[in-house]
Amino acid sequence: MFRGLAGLEGVDIVGLIQSSNLAIEAGLPVRNGVVVSGLANEEIVDRLSRVVVSLQQGPASHRLEYLRKRFLMFLGPALAAIGTLFGRKVSLGGFEAAHFKDFIWRSMFAKSLADKDFDVITSAAFRVLRWPWSMLHAVGVASAHLGRAVYPRLDTAGIRVMIVETPFPARVSAPTKMIVRYHDAIPLLMPHTIKDRGYHRAMHFRACGATRRTVPGLPASRRPPSRPALGDAGSGATRCDDPEYGLASFLFRACASKAGARGHLEPQEPPRAP
């Protein structure tokens, strides 16, 4: 999907890097949807290499690093969700692939794309979401037992549309729209076939319920059969070309100057049987 969107005329695609189970470094500062310029080259390389290192599995090199990782893993997502209740947004860091093309390609695309796509993929822009989606899901499921499932709201300034493929434990900020291509309802409809069925069922149920109110014009018959867990929540999901690193979702900015660019993104009525 990422490669296909990158080939569309009038569309700027932005990939979102997130781990399933690791808290990662923040990347470059982003303001109003634009990576802040003015940093020295050595500082840019240092920040981005920290992101790459934080995405690698392995034991901590010393006790303080271990404690810092555990703190970020558990308290980071919880504080992000609590901050949303007070109007705060989670910033997305910037990641420039110019000096890290090999990492981007090998970690997330090499197993599923042809070598000829290397230049197209590594020339795209990327954003970094620090908090692991597994812990964000855990926060949503746990808070639901208190009466309301709470998910953090991402600062998606500059992004027209966010495309995701399975329940994603976060919301988007206006005017970003989220499109959920939900193709795997096994945790809801066939939970007897999977492990950790109770947790995965709750995880999908809460995020799908939140999605129900976020797609304007979607016929009720095509909405998930669950009550909304969040009033105006945007939810979405994760498509992982590589399960270890997880290219979590695809964001892209449709250029308003291109006529008809938005028309391809509007929800469409299903064809009626003759």
C-alpha atoms as a PDB file:
ATOM      1  CA  MET A   1       0.000   0.000   0.000  1.00  0.00           C
ATOM      2  CA  PHE A   2       2.771   2.435   0.890  1.00  0.00           C
ATOM      3  CA  ARG A   3       4.420   1.928  -2.492  1.00  0.00           C
ATOM      4  CA  GLY A   4       1.111   2.312  -4.303  1.00  0.00           C
ATOM      5  CA  LEU A   5       0.245   5.562  -2.547  1.00  0.00           C
ATOM      6  CA  ALA A   6       3.738   6.910  -3.194  1.00  0.00           C
ATOM      7  CA  GLY A   7       3.087   6.562  -6.926  1.00  0.00           C
ATOM      8  CA  LEU A   8      -0.118   8.640  -6.934  1.00  0.00           C
ATOM      9  CA  GLU A   9       0.135  12.043  -8.581  1.00  0.00           C
ATOM     10  CA  GLY A  10      -0.718  14.915  -6.272  1.00  0.00           C
ATOM     11  CA  VAL A  11      -0.127  12.941  -3.073  1.00  0.00           C
ATOM     12  CA  ASP A  12       2.710  13.392  -0.581  1.00  0.00           C
ATOM     13  CA  ILE A  13       3.038  10.252   1.508  1.00  0.00           C
ATOM     14  CA  VAL A  14       4.377  10.201   5.061  1.00  0.00           C
ATOM     15  CA  GLY A  15       5.174   6.933   6.842  1.00  0.00           C
ATOM     16  CA  LEU A  16       4.658   6.536  10.575  1.00  0.00           C
ATOM     17  CA  ILE A  17       7.300   4.529  12.455  1.00  0.00           C
ATOM     18  CA  GLN A  18       6.172   2.867  15.671  1.00  0.00           C
ATOM     19  CA  SER A  19       7.149  -0.253  17.589  1.00  0.00           C
ATOM     20  CA  SER A  20       4.723  -2.869  18.812  1.00  0.00           C
ATOM     21  CA  ASN A  21       6.471  -3.327  22.151  1.00  0.00           C
ATOM     22  CA  LEU A  22       9.260  -0.759  22.559  1.00  0.00           C
ATOM     23  CA  ALA A  23       9.266   2.872  23.596  1.00  0.00           C
ATOM     24  CA  ILE A  24      11.488   4.615  21.052  1.00  0.00           C
ATOM     25  CA  GLU A  25      13.326   7.912  20.909  1.00  0.00           C
ATOM     26  CA  ALA A  26      11.480  11.027  19.788  1.00  0.00           C
ATOM     27  CA  GLY A  27      13.313  11.909  16.578  1.00  0.00           C
ATOM     28  CA  LEU A  28      13.470  15.456  15.221  1.00  0.00           C
ATOM     29  CA  PRO A  29      11.163  18.186  16.537  1.00  0.00           C
ATOM     30  CA  VAL A  30       8.078  18.890  14.400  1.00  0.00           C
ATOM     31  CA  ARG A  31       6.042  22.088  14.543  1.00  0.00           C
ATOM     32  CA  ASN A  32       2.763  22.603  12.675  1.00  0.00           C
ATOM     33  CA  GLY A  33       3.439  19.509  10.621  1.00  0.00           C
ATOM     34  CA  VAL A  34       6.912  20.614   9.505  1.00  0.00           C
ATOM     35  CA  VAL A  35      10.253  19.323  10.778  1.00  0.00           C
ATOM     36  CA  VAL A  36      11.989  22.175  12.597  1.00  0.00           C
ATOM     37  CA  SER A  37      15.115  23.316  10.756  1.00  0.00           C
ATOM     38  CA  GLY A  38      18.195  24.915  12.233  1.00  0.00           C
ATOM     39  CA  LEU A  39      19.706  21.909  13.992  1.00  0.00           C
ATOM     40  CA  ALA A  40      23.360  21.185  13.363  1.00  0.00           C
ATOM     41  CA  ASN A  41      24.034  18.204  11.107  1.00  0.00           C
ATOM     42  CA  GLU A  42      25.731  16.268  13.899  1.00  0.00           C
ATOM     43  CA  GLU A  43      22.701  16.793  16.160  1.00  0.00           C
ATOM     44  CA  ILE A  44      20.347  15.564  13.433  1.00  0.00           C
ATOM     45  CA  VAL A  45      22.398  12.413  12.900  1.00  0.00           C
ATOM     46  CA  ASP A  46      22.615  11.841  16.655  1.00  0.00           C
ATOM     47  CA  ARG A  47      18.844  12.142  17.170  1.00  0.00           C
ATOM     48  CA  LEU A  48      17.986   9.868  14.252  1.00  0.00           C
ATOM     49  CA  SER A  49      20.563   7.237  15.136  1.00  0.00           C
ATOM     50  CA  ARG A  50      19.045   7.146  18.632  1.00  0.00           C
ATOM     51  CA  VAL A  51      15.703   6.299  17.033  1.00  0.00           C
ATOM     52  CA  VAL A  52      17.307   3.423  15.108  1.00  0.00           C
ATOM     53  CA  VAL A  53      19.057   2.072  18.215  1.00  0.00           C
ATOM     54  CA  SER A  54      15.882   2.286  20.318  1.00  0.00           C
ATOM     55  CA  LEU A  55      14.053   0.123  17.769  1.00  0.00           C
ATOM     56  CA  GLN A  56      16.475  -2.762  18.279  1.00  0.00           C
ATOM     57  CA  GLN A  57      15.582  -5.539  20.699  1.00  0.00           C
ATOM     58  CA  GLY A  58      18.189  -6.318  23.322  1.00  0.00           C
ATOM     59  CA  PRO A  59      19.030  -5.987  27.021  1.00  0.00           C
ATOM     60  CA  ALA A  60      19.834  -2.600  28.511  1.00  0.00           C
ATOM     61  CA  SER A  61      23.522  -1.822  28.810  1.00  0.00           C
ATOM     62  CA  HIS A  62      23.226  -0.631  32.433  1.00  0.00           C
ATOM     63  CA  ARG A  63      20.709  -0.331  35.264  1.00  0.00           C
ATOM     64  CA  LEU A  64      19.738   3.282  34.635  1.00  0.00           C
ATOM     65  CA  GLU A  65      18.978   2.565  30.993  1.00  0.00           C
ATOM     66  CA  TYR A  66      16.824  -0.388  32.037  1.00  0.00           C
ATOM     67  CA  LEU A  67      14.841   1.766  34.463  1.00  0.00           C
ATOM     68  CA  ARG A  68      14.424   4.520  31.879  1.00  0.00           C
ATOM     69  CA  LYS A  69      13.099   2.036  29.308  1.00  0.00           C
ATOM     70  CA  ARG A  70      10.608   0.579  31.775  1.00  0.00           C
ATOM     71  CA  PHE A  71       9.469   4.054  32.800  1.00  0.00           C
ATOM     72  CA  LEU A  72       8.887   5.090  29.200  1.00  0.00           C
ATOM     73  CA  MET A  73       7.212   1.782  28.348  1.00  0.00           C
ATOM     74  CA  PHE A  74       4.552   1.913  31.036  1.00  0.00           C
ATOM     75  CA  LEU A  75       4.141   5.521  32.140  1.00  0.00           C
ATOM     76  CA  GLY A  76       4.631   7.169  28.737  1.00  0.00           C
ATOM     77  CA  PRO A  77       1.454   5.768  27.115  1.00  0.00           C
ATOM     78  CA  ALA A  78      -0.584   6.243  30.299  1.00  0.00           C
ATOM     79  CA  LEU A  79       0.455   9.890  30.658  1.00  0.00           C
ATOM     80  CA  ALA A  80      -0.206  10.480  26.955  1.00  0.00           C
ATOM     81  CA  ALA A  81      -3.770   9.184  27.340  1.00  0.00           C
ATOM     82  CA  ILE A  82      -4.374  11.181  30.524  1.00  0.00           C
ATOM     83  CA  GLY A  83      -3.046  14.314  28.826  1.00  0.00           C
ATOM     84  CA  THR A  84      -5.689  13.907  26.124  1.00  0.00           C
ATOM     85  CA  LEU A  85      -8.386  14.438  28.780  1.00  0.00           C
ATOM     86  CA  PHE A  86      -6.914  17.895  29.327  1.00  0.00           C
ATOM     87  CA  GLY A  87      -6.600  18.772  25.649  1.00  0.00           C
ATOM     88  CA  ARG A  88      -2.977  17.777  25.116  1.00  0.00           C
ATOM     89  CA  LYS A  89      -1.754  16.119  21.932  1.00  0.00           C
ATOM     90  CA  VAL A  90       1.050  13.644  21.375  1.00  0.00           C
ATOM     91  CA  SER A  91       3.741  15.097  19.147  1.00  0.00           C
ATOM     92  CA  LEU A  92       5.063  13.043  16.253  1.00  0.00           C
ATOM     93  CA  GLY A  93       8.800  13.284  15.757  1.00  0.00           C
ATOM     94  CA  GLY A  94      10.437  13.688  12.381  1.00  0.00           C
ATOM     95  CA  PHE A  95      12.659  11.108  10.718  1.00  0.00           C
ATOM     96  CA  GLU A  96      14.702  11.991   7.645  1.00  0.00           C
ATOM     97  CA  ALA A  97      15.827   8.902   5.784  1.00  0.00           C
ATOM     98  CA  ALA A  98      18.641  10.520   3.787  1.00  0.00           C
ATOM     99  CA  HIS A  99      21.386   8.969   5.952  1.00  0.00           C
ATOM    100  CA  PHE A 100      19.360   5.941   7.078  1.00  0.00           C
ATOM    101  CA  LYS A 101      18.076   4.495   3.818  1.00  0.00           C
ATOM    102  CA  ASP A 102      19.442   1.053   4.552  1.00  0.00           C
ATOM    103  CA  PHE A 103      17.606   0.944   7.893  1.00  0.00           C
ATOM    104  CA  ILE A 104      14.286   2.052   6.372  1.00  0.00           C
ATOM    105  CA  TRP A 105      14.554  -0.432   3.515  1.00  0.00           C
ATOM    106  CA  ARG A 106      15.776  -3.513   5.388  1.00  0.00           C
ATOM    107  CA  SER A 107      13.630  -3.057   8.474  1.00  0.00           C
ATOM    108  CA  MET A 108      10.277  -2.404   6.846  1.00  0.00           C
ATOM    109  CA  PHE A 109      10.194  -2.935   3.086  1.00  0.00           C
ATOM    110  CA  ALA A 110      12.865  -5.299   1.741  1.00  0.00           C
ATOM    111  CA  LYS A 111      10.833  -8.459   2.391  1.00  0.00           C
ATOM    112  CA  SER A 112       7.767  -7.277   0.502  1.00  0.00           C
ATOM    113  CA  LEU A 113       8.964  -4.946  -2.275  1.00  0.00           C
ATOM    114  CA  ALA A 114      11.252  -5.231  -5.282  1.00  0.00           C
ATOM    115  CA  ASP A 115      14.706  -3.655  -5.250  1.00  0.00           C
ATOM    116  CA  LYS A 116      13.614  -1.174  -7.926  1.00  0.00           C
ATOM    117  CA  ASP A 117      11.345   0.490  -5.352  1.00  0.00           C
ATOM    118  CA  PHE A 118      14.267   1.415  -3.084  1.00  0.00           C
ATOM    119  CA  ASP A 119      14.608   5.037  -4.221  1.00  0.00           C
ATOM    120  CA  VAL A 120      10.873   5.737  -4.106  1.00  0.00           C
ATOM    121  CA  ILE A 121      10.506   4.384  -0.579  1.00  0.00           C
ATOM    122  CA  THR A 122      13.608   5.930   0.963  1.00  0.00           C
ATOM    123  CA  SER A 123      12.845   9.368  -0.457  1.00  0.00           C
ATOM    124  CA  ALA A 124       9.555   9.544   1.463  1.00  0.00           C
ATOM    125  CA  ALA A 125       9.094  11.495   4.681  1.00  0.00           C
ATOM    126  CA  PHE A 126       8.543   9.693   7.989  1.00  0.00           C
ATOM    127  CA  ARG A 127       7.194  10.487  11.423  1.00  0.00           C
ATOM    128  CA  VAL A 128       7.918   8.766  14.746  1.00  0.00           C
ATOM    129  CA  LEU A 129       5.370   7.811  17.397  1.00  0.00           C
ATOM    130  CA  ARG A 130       7.278   7.018  20.569  1.00  0.00           C
ATOM    131  CA  TRP A 131       4.786   4.881  22.426  1.00  0.00           C
ATOM    132  CA  PRO A 132       4.292   1.179  21.569  1.00  0.00           C
ATOM    133  CA  TRP A 133       0.862   0.343  20.210  1.00  0.00           C
ATOM    134  CA  SER A 134       0.574  -2.668  22.530  1.00  0.00           C
ATOM    135  CA  MET A 135       0.734  -0.435  25.612  1.00  0.00           C
ATOM    136  CA  LEU A 136      -1.604   2.158  24.085  1.00  0.00           C
ATOM    137  CA  HIS A 137      -4.112  -0.649  23.536  1.00  0.00           C
ATOM    138  CA  ALA A 138      -3.616  -1.797  27.125  1.00  0.00           C
ATOM    139  CA  VAL A 139      -4.364   1.699  28.412  1.00  0.00           C
ATOM    140  CA  GLY A 140      -7.538   1.858  26.325  1.00  0.00           C
ATOM    141  CA  VAL A 141      -8.785  -1.533  27.512  1.00  0.00           C
ATOM    142  CA  ALA A 142      -7.926  -0.814  31.162  1.00  0.00           C
ATOM    143  CA  SER A 143      -9.560   2.631  31.160  1.00  0.00           C
ATOM    144  CA  ALA A 144     -12.710   1.146  29.621  1.00  0.00           C
ATOM    145  CA  HIS A 145     -13.269  -0.766  32.864  1.00  0.00           C
ATOM    146  CA  LEU A 146     -13.496   2.622  34.588  1.00  0.00           C
ATOM    147  CA  GLY A 147     -16.313   3.703  32.280  1.00  0.00           C
ATOM    148  CA  ARG A 148     -14.554   5.169  29.242  1.00  0.00           C
ATOM    149  CA  ALA A 149     -11.836   3.934  26.926  1.00  0.00           C
ATOM    150  CA  VAL A 150      -9.189   6.644  26.670  1.00  0.00           C
ATOM    151  CA  TYR A 151      -6.778   6.878  23.748  1.00  0.00           C
ATOM    152  CA  PRO A 152      -4.184   9.622  23.151  1.00  0.00           C
ATOM    153  CA  ARG A 153      -4.781  12.198  20.439  1.00  0.00           C
ATOM    154  CA  LEU A 154      -1.934  12.594  17.957  1.00  0.00           C
ATOM    155  CA  ASP A 155      -0.797  15.960  16.645  1.00  0.00           C
ATOM    156  CA  THR A 156      -1.418  15.286  12.941  1.00  0.00           C
ATOM    157  CA  ALA A 157      -1.101  18.882  11.750  1.00  0.00           C
ATOM    158  CA  GLY A 158      -0.372  19.036   8.028  1.00  0.00           C
ATOM    159  CA  ILE A 159      -1.849  15.590   7.360  1.00  0.00           C
ATOM    160  CA  ARG A 160      -5.048  15.402   5.291  1.00  0.00           C
ATOM    161  CA  VAL A 161      -5.758  11.674   5.661  1.00  0.00           C
ATOM    162  CA  MET A 162      -4.445   8.843   7.830  1.00  0.00           C
ATOM    163  CA  ILE A 163      -4.963   5.329   6.444  1.00  0.00           C
ATOM    164  CA  VAL A 164      -4.866   2.341   8.774  1.00  0.00           C
ATOM    165  CA  GLU A 165      -5.860  -1.297   8.408  1.00  0.00           C
ATOM    166  CA  THR A 166      -6.694  -2.711  11.856  1.00  0.00           C
ATOM    167  CA  PRO A 167      -7.666  -1.091  15.190  1.00  0.00           C
ATOM    168  CA  PHE A 168      -5.124   1.558  16.106  1.00  0.00           C
ATOM    169  CA  PRO A 169      -5.089   2.912  19.683  1.00  0.00           C
ATOM    170  CA  ALA A 170      -4.952   6.640  19.034  1.00  0.00           C
ATOM    171  CA  ARG A 171      -7.031   9.520  17.740  1.00  0.00           C
ATOM    172  CA  VAL A 172      -6.193  12.126  15.135  1.00  0.00           C
ATOM    173  CA  SER A 173      -6.500  15.882  15.469  1.00  0.00           C
ATOM    174  CA  ALA A 174      -8.656  18.039  13.207  1.00  0.00           C
ATOM    175  CA  PRO A 175      -8.756  18.463  10.259  1.00  0.00           C
ATOM    176  CA  THR A 176      -7.111  15.061   9.659  1.00  0.00           C
ATOM    177  CA  LYS A 177      -9.504  12.309   8.611  1.00  0.00           C
ATOM    178  CA  MET A 178      -8.875   8.669   9.405  1.00  0.00           C
ATOM    179  CA  ILE A 179      -9.748   5.865   7.018  1.00  0.00           C
ATOM    180  CA  VAL A 180      -9.871   2.403   8.571  1.00  0.00           C
ATOM    181  CA  ARG A 181      -9.615  -0.576   6.229  1.00  0.00           C
ATOM    182  CA  TYR A 182     -10.756  -3.202   8.698  1.00  0.00           C
ATOM    183  CA  HIS A 183     -10.119  -6.594   7.160  1.00  0.00           C
ATOM    184  CA  ASP A 184      -9.422  -8.864  10.127  1.00  0.00           C
ATOM    185  CA  ALA A 185     -12.384  -9.325  12.488  1.00  0.00           C
ATOM    186  CA  ILE A 186     -11.194 -12.695  13.826  1.00  0.00           C
ATOM    187  CA  PRO A 187     -10.769 -11.398  17.422  1.00  0.00           C
ATOM    188  CA  LEU A 188     -14.446 -10.349  17.370  1.00  0.00           C
ATOM    189  CA  LEU A 189     -16.097 -13.040  15.250  1.00  0.00           C
ATOM    190  CA  MET A 190     -13.809 -16.060  15.749  1.00  0.00           C
ATOM    191  CA  PRO A 191     -12.121 -15.518  19.131  1.00  0.00           C
ATOM    192  CA  HIS A 192     -12.050 -19.281  19.781  1.00  0.00           C
ATOM    193  CA  THR A 193      -9.296 -19.647  17.160  1.00  0.00           C
ATOM    194  CA  ILE A 194      -6.677 -17.346  18.732  1.00  0.00           C
ATOM    195  CA  LYS A 195      -4.609 -17.018  21.891  1.00  0.00           C
ATOM    196  CA  ASP A 196      -5.238 -14.276  24.480  1.00  0.00           C
ATOM    197  CA  ARG A 197      -8.743 -14.157  23.039  1.00  0.00           C
ATOM    198  CA  GLY A 198     -10.281 -12.122  25.842  1.00  0.00           C
ATOM    199  CA  TYR A 199      -7.757  -9.308  25.604  1.00  0.00           C
ATOM    200  CA  HIS A 200      -7.676  -9.212  21.796  1.00  0.00           C
ATOM    201  CA  ARG A 201     -11.471  -9.190  21.640  1.00  0.00           C
ATOM    202  CA  ALA A 202     -11.618  -6.227  24.028  1.00  0.00           C
ATOM    203  CA  MET A 203      -8.830  -4.467  22.139  1.00  0.00           C
ATOM    204  CA  HIS A 204     -10.665  -4.685  18.796  1.00  0.00           C
ATOM    205  CA  PHE A 205     -14.059  -3.986  20.338  1.00  0.00           C
ATOM    206  CA  ARG A 206     -13.022  -0.697  21.931  1.00  0.00           C
ATOM    207  CA  ALA A 207     -11.116   0.633  18.930  1.00  0.00           C
ATOM    208  CA  CYS A 208     -13.804  -0.466  16.436  1.00  0.00           C
ATOM    209  CA  GLY A 209     -16.495   1.119  18.571  1.00  0.00           C
ATOM    210  CA  ALA A 210     -14.558   4.373  18.525  1.00  0.00           C
ATOM    211  CA  THR A 211     -14.167   4.167  14.748  1.00  0.00           C
ATOM    212  CA  ARG A 212     -17.907   3.893  14.284  1.00  0.00           C
ATOM    213  CA  ARG A 213     -18.455   7.627  14.662  1.00  0.00           C
ATOM    214  CA  THR A 214     -15.421   8.796  12.755  1.00  0.00           C
ATOM    215  CA  VAL A 215     -16.237   7.899   9.141  1.00  0.00           C
ATOM    216  CA  PRO A 216     -18.798  10.364   7.742  1.00  0.00           C
ATOM    217  CA  GLY A 217     -21.260   8.807   5.359  1.00  0.00           C
ATOM    218  CA  LEU A 218     -20.421   5.207   6.224  1.00  0.00           C
ATOM    219  CA  PRO A 219     -23.664   3.191   6.048  1.00  0.00           C
ATOM    220  CA  ALA A 220     -24.773   1.784   9.393  1.00  0.00           C
ATOM    221  CA  SER A 221     -24.787  -1.714   7.908  1.00  0.00           C
ATOM    222  CA  ARG A 222     -21.033  -1.476   7.315  1.00  0.00           C
ATOM    223  CA  ARG A 223     -20.146  -0.162  10.764  1.00  0.00           C
ATOM    224  CA  PRO A 224     -18.791  -2.458  13.453  1.00  0.00           C
ATOM    225  CA  PRO A 225     -21.633  -3.927  15.555  1.00  0.00           C
ATOM    226  CA  SER A 226     -20.549  -2.278  18.790  1.00  0.00           C
ATOM    227  CA  ARG A 227     -21.328   0.832  20.744  1.00  0.00           C
ATOM    228  CA  PRO A 228     -18.850   3.731  20.448  1.00  0.00           C
ATOM    229  CA  ALA A 229     -16.271   3.807  23.179  1.00  0.00           C
ATOM    230  CA  LEU A 230     -15.308   7.437  22.499  1.00  0.00           C
ATOM    231  CA  GLY A 231     -17.509  10.284  21.431  1.00  0.00           C
ATOM    232  CA  ASP A 232     -15.409  11.816  18.669  1.00  0.00           C
ATOM    233  CA  ALA A 233     -12.490   9.432  18.709  1.00  0.00           C
ATOM    234  CA  GLY A 234     -10.444   8.598  15.680  1.00  0.00           C
ATOM    235  CA  SER A 235      -9.129   5.093  15.809  1.00  0.00           C
ATOM    236  CA  GLY A 236      -7.253   3.007  13.395  1.00  0.00           C
ATOM    237  CA  ALA A 237      -4.688   0.385  13.222  1.00  0.00           C
ATOM    238  CA  THR A 238      -1.449  -1.132  12.258  1.00  0.00           C
ATOM    239  CA  ARG A 239      -0.163  -2.661   9.076  1.00  0.00           C
ATOM    240  CA  CYS A 240       3.196  -4.294   9.742  1.00  0.00           C
ATOM    241  CA  ASP A 241       5.371  -5.285   6.813  1.00  0.00           C
ATOM    242  CA  ASP A 242       7.822  -6.459   9.449  1.00  0.00           C
ATOM    243  CA  PRO A 243       6.310  -7.405  12.822  1.00  0.00           C
ATOM    244  CA  GLU A 244       9.454  -6.517  14.735  1.00  0.00           C
ATOM    245  CA  TYR A 245       9.588  -2.876  13.765  1.00  0.00           C
ATOM    246  CA  GLY A 246       6.061  -2.329  12.542  1.00  0.00           C
ATOM    247  CA  LEU A 247       5.439   0.308   9.909  1.00  0.00           C
ATOM    248  CA  ALA A 248       2.446   1.216  11.931  1.00  0.00           C
ATOM    249  CA  SER A 249       0.370   3.211   9.547  1.00  0.00           C
ATOM    250  CA  PHE A 250       0.404   5.323   6.454  1.00  0.00           C
ATOM    251  CA  LEU A 251      -0.202   9.032   6.517  1.00  0.00           C
ATOM    252  CA  PHE A 252      -0.310  11.164   3.454  1.00  0.00           C
ATOM    253  CA  ARG A 253      -1.109  14.741   2.565  1.00  0.00           C
ATOM    254  CA  ALA A 254      -3.303  15.179  -0.458  1.00  0.00           C
ATOM    255  CA  CYS A 255      -2.405  18.372  -2.293  1.00  0.00           C
ATOM    256  CA  ALA A 256      -5.456  20.590  -2.395  1.00  0.00           C
ATOM    257  CA  SER A 257      -4.296  22.086  -5.682  1.00  0.00           C
ATOM    258  CA  LYS A 258      -4.836  18.786  -7.502  1.00  0.00           C
ATOM    259  CA  ALA A 259      -8.420  18.530  -8.700  1.00  0.00           C
ATOM    260  CA  GLY A 260     -10.125  15.291  -7.768  1.00  0.00           C
ATOM    261  CA  ALA A 261      -7.437  14.147  -5.313  1.00  0.00           C
ATOM    262  CA  ARG A 262      -9.887  14.089  -2.450  1.00  0.00           C
ATOM    263  CA  GLY A 263     -12.634  12.355  -4.386  1.00  0.00           C
ATOM    264  CA  HIS A 264     -10.749   9.066  -4.318  1.00  0.00           C
ATOM    265  CA  LEU A 265     -10.670   9.161  -0.516  1.00  0.00           C
ATOM    266  CA  GLU A 266     -14.358   9.672   0.225  1.00  0.00           C
ATOM    267  CA  PRO A 267     -16.300   6.665   1.579  1.00  0.00           C
ATOM    268  CA  GLN A 268     -18.185   4.989  -1.246  1.00  0.00           C
ATOM    269  CA  GLU A 269     -21.561   3.260  -1.102  1.00  0.00           C
ATOM    270  CA  PRO A 270     -21.277  -0.478  -1.792  1.00  0.00           C
ATOM    271  CA  PRO A 271     -22.702  -1.566  -5.155  1.00  0.00           C
ATOM    272  CA  ARG A 272     -26.294  -2.712  -4.988  1.00  0.00           C
ATOM    273  CA  ALA A 273     -27.211  -6.162  -6.157  1.00  0.00           C
ATOM    274  CA  PRO A 274     -29.331  -6.165  -9.325  1.00  0.00           C
END
